[in-house]
Amino acid sequence: MIPAFPAYLFDVDGTLLESGPDIVGAVGQVLSAHGAKDLSFAYLASFIGKHLDALFDDVFPAADAAFREQLMVQYRETYWAREHAGTKPYPGVLEGIASLGGLKATATTKGTPTTNIVLHKFGLRPYFHHVQGTDGFPAKPSPDVIFRAIAGLGVKAEDCLLVGDSVSDMAAGRAAGVLICAVDYGYGNHDEMRAYQPDFWISDLRELSAS
Protein backbone atom coordinates (compact mmCIF):
# COMPACT_ATOMS: atom_id res chain seq x y z
CA MET A 1 0.00 0.00 0.00
CA ILE A 2 1.24 3.47 -0.85
CA PRO A 3 0.74 6.03 1.93
CA ALA A 4 -1.05 9.29 1.28
CA PHE A 5 1.18 12.30 0.59
CA PRO A 6 0.46 15.99 1.09
CA ALA A 7 1.52 16.66 -2.51
CA TYR A 8 2.03 14.79 -5.77
CA LEU A 9 4.13 15.80 -8.77
CA PHE A 10 3.41 14.19 -12.13
CA ASP A 11 5.34 13.79 -15.31
CA VAL A 12 2.98 14.13 -18.29
CA ASP A 13 4.20 12.29 -21.41
CA GLY A 14 4.36 8.58 -20.70
CA THR A 15 2.81 8.96 -17.25
CA LEU A 16 -0.51 10.76 -17.66
CA LEU A 17 -0.77 10.75 -21.43
CA GLU A 18 0.10 8.20 -24.08
CA SER A 19 1.42 10.93 -26.33
CA GLY A 20 4.11 8.97 -28.15
CA PRO A 21 2.21 8.71 -31.43
CA ASP A 22 2.07 12.50 -31.76
CA ILE A 23 5.53 13.28 -30.38
CA VAL A 24 7.28 10.53 -32.32
CA GLY A 25 5.20 11.20 -35.41
CA ALA A 26 6.10 14.88 -35.42
CA VAL A 27 9.79 14.52 -34.64
CA GLY A 28 10.15 11.62 -37.08
CA GLN A 29 8.63 13.72 -39.84
CA VAL A 30 11.06 16.57 -39.14
CA LEU A 31 14.13 14.34 -38.95
CA SER A 32 13.13 12.49 -42.10
CA ALA A 33 12.89 15.79 -43.98
CA HIS A 34 16.53 16.37 -43.09
CA GLY A 35 17.68 12.95 -44.26
CA ALA A 36 17.37 10.91 -41.06
CA LYS A 37 14.91 8.31 -42.30
CA ASP A 38 13.69 4.96 -40.99
CA LEU A 39 14.31 5.72 -37.32
CA SER A 40 12.27 3.31 -35.21
CA PHE A 41 9.40 4.29 -32.95
CA ALA A 42 11.20 2.68 -29.99
CA TYR A 43 14.34 4.69 -30.62
CA LEU A 44 12.53 8.02 -30.95
CA ALA A 45 10.23 7.28 -28.00
CA SER A 46 13.25 6.61 -25.78
CA PHE A 47 13.91 10.37 -25.86
CA ILE A 48 10.43 11.30 -24.59
CA GLY A 49 10.84 13.14 -21.31
CA LYS A 50 14.23 14.53 -22.30
CA HIS A 51 14.87 17.81 -24.04
CA LEU A 52 14.75 17.23 -27.79
CA ASP A 53 18.28 18.61 -28.10
CA ALA A 54 19.42 15.22 -26.77
CA LEU A 55 17.78 13.49 -29.73
CA PHE A 56 19.00 16.05 -32.24
CA ASP A 57 22.56 15.69 -30.94
CA ASP A 58 22.34 11.91 -31.20
CA VAL A 59 21.03 11.95 -34.77
CA PHE A 60 23.11 14.90 -35.99
CA PRO A 61 26.23 14.97 -33.77
CA ALA A 62 27.84 17.72 -35.84
CA ALA A 63 24.80 20.01 -35.66
CA ASP A 64 25.31 23.53 -34.41
CA ALA A 65 22.95 25.51 -32.21
CA ALA A 66 21.29 27.24 -35.16
CA PHE A 67 20.41 23.93 -36.82
CA ARG A 68 19.09 22.47 -33.55
CA GLU A 69 16.88 25.54 -33.13
CA GLN A 70 15.63 25.14 -36.70
CA LEU A 71 14.71 21.54 -35.93
CA MET A 72 12.96 22.59 -32.73
CA VAL A 73 10.86 25.22 -34.52
CA GLN A 74 9.87 22.71 -37.19
CA TYR A 75 9.03 20.11 -34.57
CA ARG A 76 6.76 22.49 -32.68
CA GLU A 77 4.92 23.47 -35.86
CA THR A 78 4.48 19.83 -36.86
CA TYR A 79 3.45 18.72 -33.38
CA TRP A 80 0.79 21.42 -33.05
CA ALA A 81 -0.56 20.64 -36.52
CA ARG A 82 -1.39 17.13 -35.32
CA GLU A 83 -3.77 18.63 -32.69
CA HIS A 84 -3.03 15.76 -30.29
CA ALA A 85 -5.12 13.45 -32.47
CA GLY A 86 -3.03 10.41 -31.53
CA THR A 87 -2.78 11.22 -27.82
CA LYS A 88 -4.95 9.78 -25.04
CA PRO A 89 -4.82 9.34 -21.27
CA TYR A 90 -3.54 6.01 -20.04
CA PRO A 91 -6.14 3.69 -18.51
CA GLY A 92 -6.97 4.72 -14.96
CA VAL A 93 -5.45 8.20 -15.20
CA LEU A 94 -8.68 10.22 -15.11
CA GLU A 95 -10.14 8.16 -12.30
CA GLY A 96 -6.86 8.03 -10.41
CA ILE A 97 -6.23 11.76 -10.52
CA ALA A 98 -9.86 12.60 -9.67
CA SER A 99 -9.87 10.35 -6.60
CA LEU A 100 -6.44 11.33 -5.31
CA GLY A 101 -6.30 13.67 -2.34
CA GLY A 102 -3.55 16.16 -1.63
CA LEU A 103 -2.11 18.92 -3.77
CA LYS A 104 -1.14 18.07 -7.34
CA ALA A 105 1.27 19.66 -9.82
CA THR A 106 2.94 18.69 -13.05
CA ALA A 107 6.71 18.50 -13.47
CA THR A 108 7.16 17.99 -17.18
CA THR A 109 9.61 18.69 -19.98
CA LYS A 110 6.77 20.25 -21.97
CA GLY A 111 6.48 24.01 -21.69
CA THR A 112 3.87 25.29 -19.25
CA PRO A 113 1.52 26.75 -21.92
CA THR A 114 1.48 23.46 -23.86
CA THR A 115 0.95 21.50 -20.66
CA ASN A 116 -2.07 23.61 -19.75
CA ILE A 117 -3.56 23.04 -23.19
CA VAL A 118 -3.19 19.26 -23.16
CA LEU A 119 -4.46 18.95 -19.59
CA HIS A 120 -7.57 20.95 -20.55
CA LYS A 121 -8.06 18.86 -23.70
CA PHE A 122 -8.12 15.60 -21.80
CA GLY A 123 -10.14 16.78 -18.79
CA LEU A 124 -7.29 16.78 -16.30
CA ARG A 125 -6.64 20.48 -15.68
CA PRO A 126 -9.29 20.97 -12.93
CA TYR A 127 -7.49 18.47 -10.71
CA PHE A 128 -4.15 20.27 -10.71
CA HIS A 129 -3.36 23.04 -8.25
CA HIS A 130 -0.26 24.09 -10.18
CA VAL A 131 0.96 23.42 -13.70
CA GLN A 132 4.72 23.52 -14.12
CA GLY A 133 6.57 22.94 -17.35
CA THR A 134 10.16 23.46 -18.40
CA ASP A 135 10.37 27.10 -19.41
CA GLY A 136 13.87 28.24 -20.34
CA PHE A 137 15.75 26.31 -17.67
CA PRO A 138 17.49 22.91 -17.75
CA ALA A 139 15.20 19.94 -18.38
CA LYS A 140 15.11 16.73 -16.38
CA PRO A 141 17.27 14.97 -15.24
CA SER A 142 18.13 18.36 -13.74
CA PRO A 143 15.78 18.95 -10.79
CA ASP A 144 14.82 22.53 -11.72
CA VAL A 145 11.26 21.79 -12.83
CA ILE A 146 10.64 19.84 -9.64
CA PHE A 147 11.91 22.68 -7.46
CA ARG A 148 9.58 25.08 -9.29
CA ALA A 149 6.62 22.71 -8.94
CA ILE A 150 7.29 22.39 -5.21
CA ALA A 151 7.47 26.16 -4.86
CA GLY A 152 4.27 26.53 -6.88
CA LEU A 153 2.44 24.29 -4.43
CA GLY A 154 4.00 25.96 -1.40
CA VAL A 155 5.18 22.68 0.12
CA LYS A 156 8.48 21.06 1.07
CA ALA A 157 10.35 18.38 -0.85
CA GLU A 158 9.72 15.83 1.87
CA ASP A 159 5.96 16.35 1.42
CA CYS A 160 6.05 15.22 -2.22
CA LEU A 161 5.86 12.07 -4.27
CA LEU A 162 7.03 12.35 -7.88
CA VAL A 163 5.36 9.96 -10.33
CA GLY A 164 7.10 9.32 -13.64
CA ASP A 165 7.96 6.83 -16.35
CA SER A 166 11.58 7.60 -17.20
CA VAL A 167 15.14 7.59 -15.97
CA SER A 168 15.10 11.38 -16.21
CA ASP A 169 12.17 11.48 -13.79
CA MET A 170 13.89 9.18 -11.32
CA ALA A 171 17.17 11.09 -11.48
CA ALA A 172 15.49 14.48 -11.12
CA GLY A 173 13.39 13.27 -8.22
CA ARG A 174 16.37 11.93 -6.33
CA ALA A 175 18.29 15.17 -6.97
CA ALA A 176 15.35 17.22 -5.68
CA GLY A 177 14.97 15.18 -2.51
CA VAL A 178 11.42 13.94 -3.14
CA LEU A 179 10.24 10.34 -2.97
CA ILE A 180 9.82 8.74 -6.37
CA CYS A 181 7.20 6.43 -7.82
CA ALA A 182 7.88 4.68 -11.12
CA VAL A 183 5.11 3.55 -13.45
CA ASP A 184 5.69 0.30 -15.29
CA TYR A 185 4.18 1.58 -18.53
CA GLY A 186 5.22 4.59 -20.60
CA TYR A 187 8.46 5.01 -22.52
CA GLY A 188 11.24 4.56 -19.96
CA ASN A 189 13.84 1.82 -19.66
CA HIS A 190 12.81 -0.10 -16.55
CA ASP A 191 16.25 -1.57 -15.87
CA GLU A 192 17.79 1.91 -15.90
CA MET A 193 14.98 3.22 -13.69
CA ARG A 194 15.59 0.48 -11.12
CA ALA A 195 19.12 1.79 -10.63
CA TYR A 196 17.52 4.74 -8.79
CA GLN A 197 15.65 2.37 -6.47
CA PRO A 198 12.19 3.95 -6.78
CA ASP A 199 10.31 4.05 -3.52
CA PHE A 200 7.22 2.64 -5.23
CA TRP A 201 6.22 1.00 -8.52
CA ILE A 202 2.68 1.13 -9.87
CA SER A 203 0.86 -0.13 -12.97
CA ASP A 204 -2.14 2.21 -12.72
CA LEU A 205 -2.56 5.66 -11.15
CA ARG A 206 -5.58 4.37 -9.22
CA GLU A 207 -3.12 2.51 -7.02
CA LEU A 208 -2.06 5.84 -5.51
CA SER A 209 -5.45 6.33 -3.85
CA ALA A 210 -6.16 2.66 -3.05
CA SER A 211 -6.53 1.96 0.65
C-alpha atoms as a PDB file:
ATOM      1  CA  MET A   1       0.000   0.000   0.000  1.00  0.00           C
ATOM      2  CA  ILE A   2       1.243   3.474  -0.848  1.00  0.00           C
ATOM      3  CA  PRO A   3       0.738   6.026   1.935  1.00  0.00           C
ATOM      4  CA  ALA A   4      -1.051   9.295   1.282  1.00  0.00           C
ATOM      5  CA  PHE A   5       1.179  12.298   0.588  1.00  0.00           C
ATOM      6  CA  PRO A   6       0.456  15.991   1.087  1.00  0.00           C
ATOM      7  CA  ALA A   7       1.517  16.662  -2.514  1.00  0.00           C
ATOM      8  CA  TYR A   8       2.026  14.790  -5.771  1.00  0.00           C
ATOM      9  CA  LEU A   9       4.132  15.796  -8.769  1.00  0.00           C
ATOM     10  CA  PHE A  10       3.407  14.190 -12.134  1.00  0.00           C
ATOM     11  CA  ASP A  11       5.345  13.795 -15.310  1.00  0.00           C
ATOM     12  CA  VAL A  12       2.978  14.130 -18.291  1.00  0.00           C
ATOM     13  CA  ASP A  13       4.196  12.293 -21.408  1.00  0.00           C
ATOM     14  CA  GLY A  14       4.361   8.579 -20.705  1.00  0.00           C
ATOM     15  CA  THR A  15       2.806   8.965 -17.249  1.00  0.00           C
ATOM     16  CA  LEU A  16      -0.509  10.762 -17.663  1.00  0.00           C
ATOM     17  CA  LEU A  17      -0.774  10.754 -21.434  1.00  0.00           C
ATOM     18  CA  GLU A  18       0.100   8.200 -24.078  1.00  0.00           C
ATOM     19  CA  SER A  19       1.422  10.930 -26.333  1.00  0.00           C
ATOM     20  CA  GLY A  20       4.107   8.973 -28.145  1.00  0.00           C
ATOM     21  CA  PRO A  21       2.209   8.709 -31.426  1.00  0.00           C
ATOM     22  CA  ASP A  22       2.073  12.500 -31.764  1.00  0.00           C
ATOM     23  CA  ILE A  23       5.528  13.281 -30.377  1.00  0.00           C
ATOM     24  CA  VAL A  24       7.283  10.529 -32.321  1.00  0.00           C
ATOM     25  CA  GLY A  25       5.196  11.195 -35.411  1.00  0.00           C
ATOM     26  CA  ALA A  26       6.100  14.875 -35.415  1.00  0.00           C
ATOM     27  CA  VAL A  27       9.793  14.521 -34.642  1.00  0.00           C
ATOM     28  CA  GLY A  28      10.149  11.624 -37.076  1.00  0.00           C
ATOM     29  CA  GLN A  29       8.631  13.723 -39.840  1.00  0.00           C
ATOM     30  CA  VAL A  30      11.065  16.575 -39.143  1.00  0.00           C
ATOM     31  CA  LEU A  31      14.127  14.343 -38.951  1.00  0.00           C
ATOM     32  CA  SER A  32      13.134  12.492 -42.102  1.00  0.00           C
ATOM     33  CA  ALA A  33      12.886  15.793 -43.977  1.00  0.00           C
ATOM     34  CA  HIS A  34      16.534  16.374 -43.087  1.00  0.00           C
ATOM     35  CA  GLY A  35      17.680  12.954 -44.258  1.00  0.00           C
ATOM     36  CA  ALA A  36      17.373  10.907 -41.056  1.00  0.00           C
ATOM     37  CA  LYS A  37      14.911   8.312 -42.302  1.00  0.00           C
ATOM     38  CA  ASP A  38      13.691   4.958 -40.992  1.00  0.00           C
ATOM     39  CA  LEU A  39      14.312   5.722 -37.319  1.00  0.00           C
ATOM     40  CA  SER A  40      12.269   3.306 -35.212  1.00  0.00           C
ATOM     41  CA  PHE A  41       9.403   4.294 -32.946  1.00  0.00           C
ATOM     42  CA  ALA A  42      11.197   2.678 -29.994  1.00  0.00           C
ATOM     43  CA  TYR A  43      14.345   4.695 -30.621  1.00  0.00           C
ATOM     44  CA  LEU A  44      12.531   8.021 -30.946  1.00  0.00           C
ATOM     45  CA  ALA A  45      10.232   7.278 -28.003  1.00  0.00           C
ATOM     46  CA  SER A  46      13.253   6.611 -25.784  1.00  0.00           C
ATOM     47  CA  PHE A  47      13.905  10.367 -25.857  1.00  0.00           C
ATOM     48  CA  ILE A  48      10.432  11.302 -24.590  1.00  0.00           C
ATOM     49  CA  GLY A  49      10.838  13.143 -21.306  1.00  0.00           C
ATOM     50  CA  LYS A  50      14.225  14.526 -22.298  1.00  0.00           C
ATOM     51  CA  HIS A  51      14.867  17.809 -24.037  1.00  0.00           C
ATOM     52  CA  LEU A  52      14.755  17.229 -27.788  1.00  0.00           C
ATOM     53  CA  ASP A  53      18.279  18.606 -28.098  1.00  0.00           C
ATOM     54  CA  ALA A  54      19.420  15.215 -26.770  1.00  0.00           C
ATOM     55  CA  LEU A  55      17.778  13.494 -29.729  1.00  0.00           C
ATOM     56  CA  PHE A  56      19.001  16.054 -32.244  1.00  0.00           C
ATOM     57  CA  ASP A  57      22.559  15.693 -30.940  1.00  0.00           C
ATOM     58  CA  ASP A  58      22.338  11.911 -31.197  1.00  0.00           C
ATOM     59  CA  VAL A  59      21.030  11.949 -34.770  1.00  0.00           C
ATOM     60  CA  PHE A  60      23.108  14.901 -35.987  1.00  0.00           C
ATOM     61  CA  PRO A  61      26.230  14.970 -33.770  1.00  0.00           C
ATOM     62  CA  ALA A  62      27.836  17.715 -35.838  1.00  0.00           C
ATOM     63  CA  ALA A  63      24.799  20.008 -35.661  1.00  0.00           C
ATOM     64  CA  ASP A  64      25.314  23.531 -34.414  1.00  0.00           C
ATOM     65  CA  ALA A  65      22.953  25.515 -32.209  1.00  0.00           C
ATOM     66  CA  ALA A  66      21.290  27.241 -35.163  1.00  0.00           C
ATOM     67  CA  PHE A  67      20.407  23.933 -36.823  1.00  0.00           C
ATOM     68  CA  ARG A  68      19.088  22.472 -33.554  1.00  0.00           C
ATOM     69  CA  GLU A  69      16.882  25.535 -33.126  1.00  0.00           C
ATOM     70  CA  GLN A  70      15.626  25.137 -36.698  1.00  0.00           C
ATOM     71  CA  LEU A  71      14.706  21.538 -35.932  1.00  0.00           C
ATOM     72  CA  MET A  72      12.964  22.592 -32.734  1.00  0.00           C
ATOM     73  CA  VAL A  73      10.856  25.219 -34.516  1.00  0.00           C
ATOM     74  CA  GLN A  74       9.872  22.712 -37.191  1.00  0.00           C
ATOM     75  CA  TYR A  75       9.033  20.109 -34.570  1.00  0.00           C
ATOM     76  CA  ARG A  76       6.757  22.491 -32.680  1.00  0.00           C
ATOM     77  CA  GLU A  77       4.916  23.465 -35.856  1.00  0.00           C
ATOM     78  CA  THR A  78       4.478  19.827 -36.862  1.00  0.00           C
ATOM     79  CA  TYR A  79       3.453  18.716 -33.381  1.00  0.00           C
ATOM     80  CA  TRP A  80       0.787  21.415 -33.051  1.00  0.00           C
ATOM     81  CA  ALA A  81      -0.561  20.643 -36.516  1.00  0.00           C
ATOM     82  CA  ARG A  82      -1.390  17.132 -35.319  1.00  0.00           C
ATOM     83  CA  GLU A  83      -3.773  18.632 -32.690  1.00  0.00           C
ATOM     84  CA  HIS A  84      -3.034  15.758 -30.287  1.00  0.00           C
ATOM     85  CA  ALA A  85      -5.118  13.453 -32.470  1.00  0.00           C
ATOM     86  CA  GLY A  86      -3.031  10.412 -31.534  1.00  0.00           C
ATOM     87  CA  THR A  87      -2.776  11.220 -27.815  1.00  0.00           C
ATOM     88  CA  LYS A  88      -4.947   9.783 -25.045  1.00  0.00           C
ATOM     89  CA  PRO A  89      -4.822   9.340 -21.270  1.00  0.00           C
ATOM     90  CA  TYR A  90      -3.538   6.007 -20.045  1.00  0.00           C
ATOM     91  CA  PRO A  91      -6.140   3.688 -18.508  1.00  0.00           C
ATOM     92  CA  GLY A  92      -6.970   4.720 -14.956  1.00  0.00           C
ATOM     93  CA  VAL A  93      -5.455   8.201 -15.199  1.00  0.00           C
ATOM     94  CA  LEU A  94      -8.677  10.221 -15.112  1.00  0.00           C
ATOM     95  CA  GLU A  95     -10.137   8.155 -12.299  1.00  0.00           C
ATOM     96  CA  GLY A  96      -6.855   8.031 -10.410  1.00  0.00           C
ATOM     97  CA  ILE A  97      -6.233  11.757 -10.516  1.00  0.00           C
ATOM     98  CA  ALA A  98      -9.865  12.601  -9.671  1.00  0.00           C
ATOM     99  CA  SER A  99      -9.875  10.354  -6.604  1.00  0.00           C
ATOM    100  CA  LEU A 100      -6.441  11.326  -5.313  1.00  0.00           C
ATOM    101  CA  GLY A 101      -6.297  13.673  -2.342  1.00  0.00           C
ATOM    102  CA  GLY A 102      -3.546  16.165  -1.633  1.00  0.00           C
ATOM    103  CA  LEU A 103      -2.109  18.921  -3.773  1.00  0.00           C
ATOM    104  CA  LYS A 104      -1.138  18.072  -7.339  1.00  0.00           C
ATOM    105  CA  ALA A 105       1.274  19.656  -9.816  1.00  0.00           C
ATOM    106  CA  THR A 106       2.938  18.691 -13.048  1.00  0.00           C
ATOM    107  CA  ALA A 107       6.708  18.500 -13.473  1.00  0.00           C
ATOM    108  CA  THR A 108       7.162  17.989 -17.183  1.00  0.00           C
ATOM    109  CA  THR A 109       9.610  18.692 -19.975  1.00  0.00           C
ATOM    110  CA  LYS A 110       6.766  20.251 -21.967  1.00  0.00           C
ATOM    111  CA  GLY A 111       6.481  24.015 -21.693  1.00  0.00           C
ATOM    112  CA  THR A 112       3.875  25.295 -19.253  1.00  0.00           C
ATOM    113  CA  PRO A 113       1.523  26.753 -21.923  1.00  0.00           C
ATOM    114  CA  THR A 114       1.483  23.465 -23.858  1.00  0.00           C
ATOM    115  CA  THR A 115       0.949  21.501 -20.656  1.00  0.00           C
ATOM    116  CA  ASN A 116      -2.068  23.610 -19.754  1.00  0.00           C
ATOM    117  CA  ILE A 117      -3.560  23.038 -23.191  1.00  0.00           C
ATOM    118  CA  VAL A 118      -3.195  19.256 -23.159  1.00  0.00           C
ATOM    119  CA  LEU A 119      -4.464  18.952 -19.593  1.00  0.00           C
ATOM    120  CA  HIS A 120      -7.565  20.947 -20.553  1.00  0.00           C
ATOM    121  CA  LYS A 121      -8.065  18.864 -23.697  1.00  0.00           C
ATOM    122  CA  PHE A 122      -8.115  15.605 -21.801  1.00  0.00           C
ATOM    123  CA  GLY A 123     -10.144  16.780 -18.794  1.00  0.00           C
ATOM    124  CA  LEU A 124      -7.286  16.784 -16.298  1.00  0.00           C
ATOM    125  CA  ARG A 125      -6.642  20.484 -15.678  1.00  0.00           C
ATOM    126  CA  PRO A 126      -9.291  20.969 -12.931  1.00  0.00           C
ATOM    127  CA  TYR A 127      -7.493  18.472 -10.711  1.00  0.00           C
ATOM    128  CA  PHE A 128      -4.149  20.273 -10.710  1.00  0.00           C
ATOM    129  CA  HIS A 129      -3.355  23.040  -8.247  1.00  0.00           C
ATOM    130  CA  HIS A 130      -0.255  24.092 -10.176  1.00  0.00           C
ATOM    131  CA  VAL A 131       0.964  23.416 -13.703  1.00  0.00           C
ATOM    132  CA  GLN A 132       4.722  23.516 -14.120  1.00  0.00           C
ATOM    133  CA  GLY A 133       6.571  22.941 -17.353  1.00  0.00           C
ATOM    134  CA  THR A 134      10.162  23.458 -18.398  1.00  0.00           C
ATOM    135  CA  ASP A 135      10.370  27.098 -19.413  1.00  0.00           C
ATOM    136  CA  GLY A 136      13.865  28.242 -20.337  1.00  0.00           C
ATOM    137  CA  PHE A 137      15.752  26.307 -17.668  1.00  0.00           C
ATOM    138  CA  PRO A 138      17.489  22.909 -17.746  1.00  0.00           C
ATOM    139  CA  ALA A 139      15.199  19.945 -18.379  1.00  0.00           C
ATOM    140  CA  LYS A 140      15.109  16.731 -16.382  1.00  0.00           C
ATOM    141  CA  PRO A 141      17.270  14.968 -15.244  1.00  0.00           C
ATOM    142  CA  SER A 142      18.126  18.357 -13.744  1.00  0.00           C
ATOM    143  CA  PRO A 143      15.780  18.947 -10.792  1.00  0.00           C
ATOM    144  CA  ASP A 144      14.819  22.535 -11.719  1.00  0.00           C
ATOM    145  CA  VAL A 145      11.264  21.791 -12.826  1.00  0.00           C
ATOM    146  CA  ILE A 146      10.642  19.844  -9.636  1.00  0.00           C
ATOM    147  CA  PHE A 147      11.905  22.680  -7.462  1.00  0.00           C
ATOM    148  CA  ARG A 148       9.577  25.077  -9.286  1.00  0.00           C
ATOM    149  CA  ALA A 149       6.618  22.714  -8.935  1.00  0.00           C
ATOM    150  CA  ILE A 150       7.292  22.387  -5.210  1.00  0.00           C
ATOM    151  CA  ALA A 151       7.471  26.164  -4.862  1.00  0.00           C
ATOM    152  CA  GLY A 152       4.268  26.533  -6.883  1.00  0.00           C
ATOM    153  CA  LEU A 153       2.436  24.288  -4.432  1.00  0.00           C
ATOM    154  CA  GLY A 154       3.996  25.958  -1.400  1.00  0.00           C
ATOM    155  CA  VAL A 155       5.177  22.682   0.117  1.00  0.00           C
ATOM    156  CA  LYS A 156       8.483  21.058   1.069  1.00  0.00           C
ATOM    157  CA  ALA A 157      10.345  18.380  -0.845  1.00  0.00           C
ATOM    158  CA  GLU A 158       9.719  15.829   1.874  1.00  0.00           C
ATOM    159  CA  ASP A 159       5.957  16.350   1.417  1.00  0.00           C
ATOM    160  CA  CYS A 160       6.055  15.222  -2.221  1.00  0.00           C
ATOM    161  CA  LEU A 161       5.865  12.070  -4.274  1.00  0.00           C
ATOM    162  CA  LEU A 162       7.027  12.348  -7.884  1.00  0.00           C
ATOM    163  CA  VAL A 163       5.359   9.964 -10.330  1.00  0.00           C
ATOM    164  CA  GLY A 164       7.098   9.324 -13.641  1.00  0.00           C
ATOM    165  CA  ASP A 165       7.962   6.831 -16.346  1.00  0.00           C
ATOM    166  CA  SER A 166      11.580   7.602 -17.204  1.00  0.00           C
ATOM    167  CA  VAL A 167      15.140   7.585 -15.971  1.00  0.00           C
ATOM    168  CA  SER A 168      15.095  11.381 -16.213  1.00  0.00           C
ATOM    169  CA  ASP A 169      12.168  11.475 -13.787  1.00  0.00           C
ATOM    170  CA  MET A 170      13.885   9.180 -11.318  1.00  0.00           C
ATOM    171  CA  ALA A 171      17.173  11.090 -11.477  1.00  0.00           C
ATOM    172  CA  ALA A 172      15.492  14.477 -11.123  1.00  0.00           C
ATOM    173  CA  GLY A 173      13.387  13.273  -8.219  1.00  0.00           C
ATOM    174  CA  ARG A 174      16.368  11.933  -6.334  1.00  0.00           C
ATOM    175  CA  ALA A 175      18.292  15.174  -6.972  1.00  0.00           C
ATOM    176  CA  ALA A 176      15.347  17.222  -5.683  1.00  0.00           C
ATOM    177  CA  GLY A 177      14.966  15.181  -2.506  1.00  0.00           C
ATOM    178  CA  VAL A 178      11.421  13.938  -3.137  1.00  0.00           C
ATOM    179  CA  LEU A 179      10.238  10.341  -2.972  1.00  0.00           C
ATOM    180  CA  ILE A 180       9.817   8.744  -6.374  1.00  0.00           C
ATOM    181  CA  CYS A 181       7.199   6.430  -7.818  1.00  0.00           C
ATOM    182  CA  ALA A 182       7.878   4.676 -11.124  1.00  0.00           C
ATOM    183  CA  VAL A 183       5.110   3.551 -13.455  1.00  0.00           C
ATOM    184  CA  ASP A 184       5.690   0.300 -15.287  1.00  0.00           C
ATOM    185  CA  TYR A 185       4.184   1.580 -18.532  1.00  0.00           C
ATOM    186  CA  GLY A 186       5.220   4.587 -20.601  1.00  0.00           C
ATOM    187  CA  TYR A 187       8.460   5.010 -22.515  1.00  0.00           C
ATOM    188  CA  GLY A 188      11.238   4.562 -19.959  1.00  0.00           C
ATOM    189  CA  ASN A 189      13.837   1.821 -19.657  1.00  0.00           C
ATOM    190  CA  HIS A 190      12.813  -0.100 -16.547  1.00  0.00           C
ATOM    191  CA  ASP A 191      16.246  -1.566 -15.870  1.00  0.00           C
ATOM    192  CA  GLU A 192      17.790   1.907 -15.902  1.00  0.00           C
ATOM    193  CA  MET A 193      14.982   3.223 -13.691  1.00  0.00           C
ATOM    194  CA  ARG A 194      15.594   0.476 -11.117  1.00  0.00           C
ATOM    195  CA  ALA A 195      19.120   1.794 -10.628  1.00  0.00           C
ATOM    196  CA  TYR A 196      17.522   4.742  -8.787  1.00  0.00           C
ATOM    197  CA  GLN A 197      15.647   2.374  -6.470  1.00  0.00           C
ATOM    198  CA  PRO A 198      12.195   3.950  -6.782  1.00  0.00           C
ATOM    199  CA  ASP A 199      10.315   4.049  -3.523  1.00  0.00           C
ATOM    200  CA  PHE A 200       7.218   2.640  -5.228  1.00  0.00           C
ATOM    201  CA  TRP A 201       6.219   1.003  -8.515  1.00  0.00           C
ATOM    202  CA  ILE A 202       2.683   1.131  -9.875  1.00  0.00           C
ATOM    203  CA  SER A 203       0.859  -0.127 -12.966  1.00  0.00           C
ATOM    204  CA  ASP A 204      -2.138   2.211 -12.716  1.00  0.00           C
ATOM    205  CA  LEU A 205      -2.560   5.663 -11.148  1.00  0.00           C
ATOM    206  CA  ARG A 206      -5.585   4.368  -9.224  1.00  0.00           C
ATOM    207  CA  GLU A 207      -3.117   2.505  -7.018  1.00  0.00           C
ATOM    208  CA  LEU A 208      -2.064   5.843  -5.506  1.00  0.00           C
ATOM    209  CA  SER A 209      -5.449   6.331  -3.853  1.00  0.00           C
ATOM    210  CA  ALA A 210      -6.161   2.662  -3.049  1.00  0.00           C
ATOM    211  CA  SER A 211      -6.532   1.965   0.654  1.00  0.00           C
END
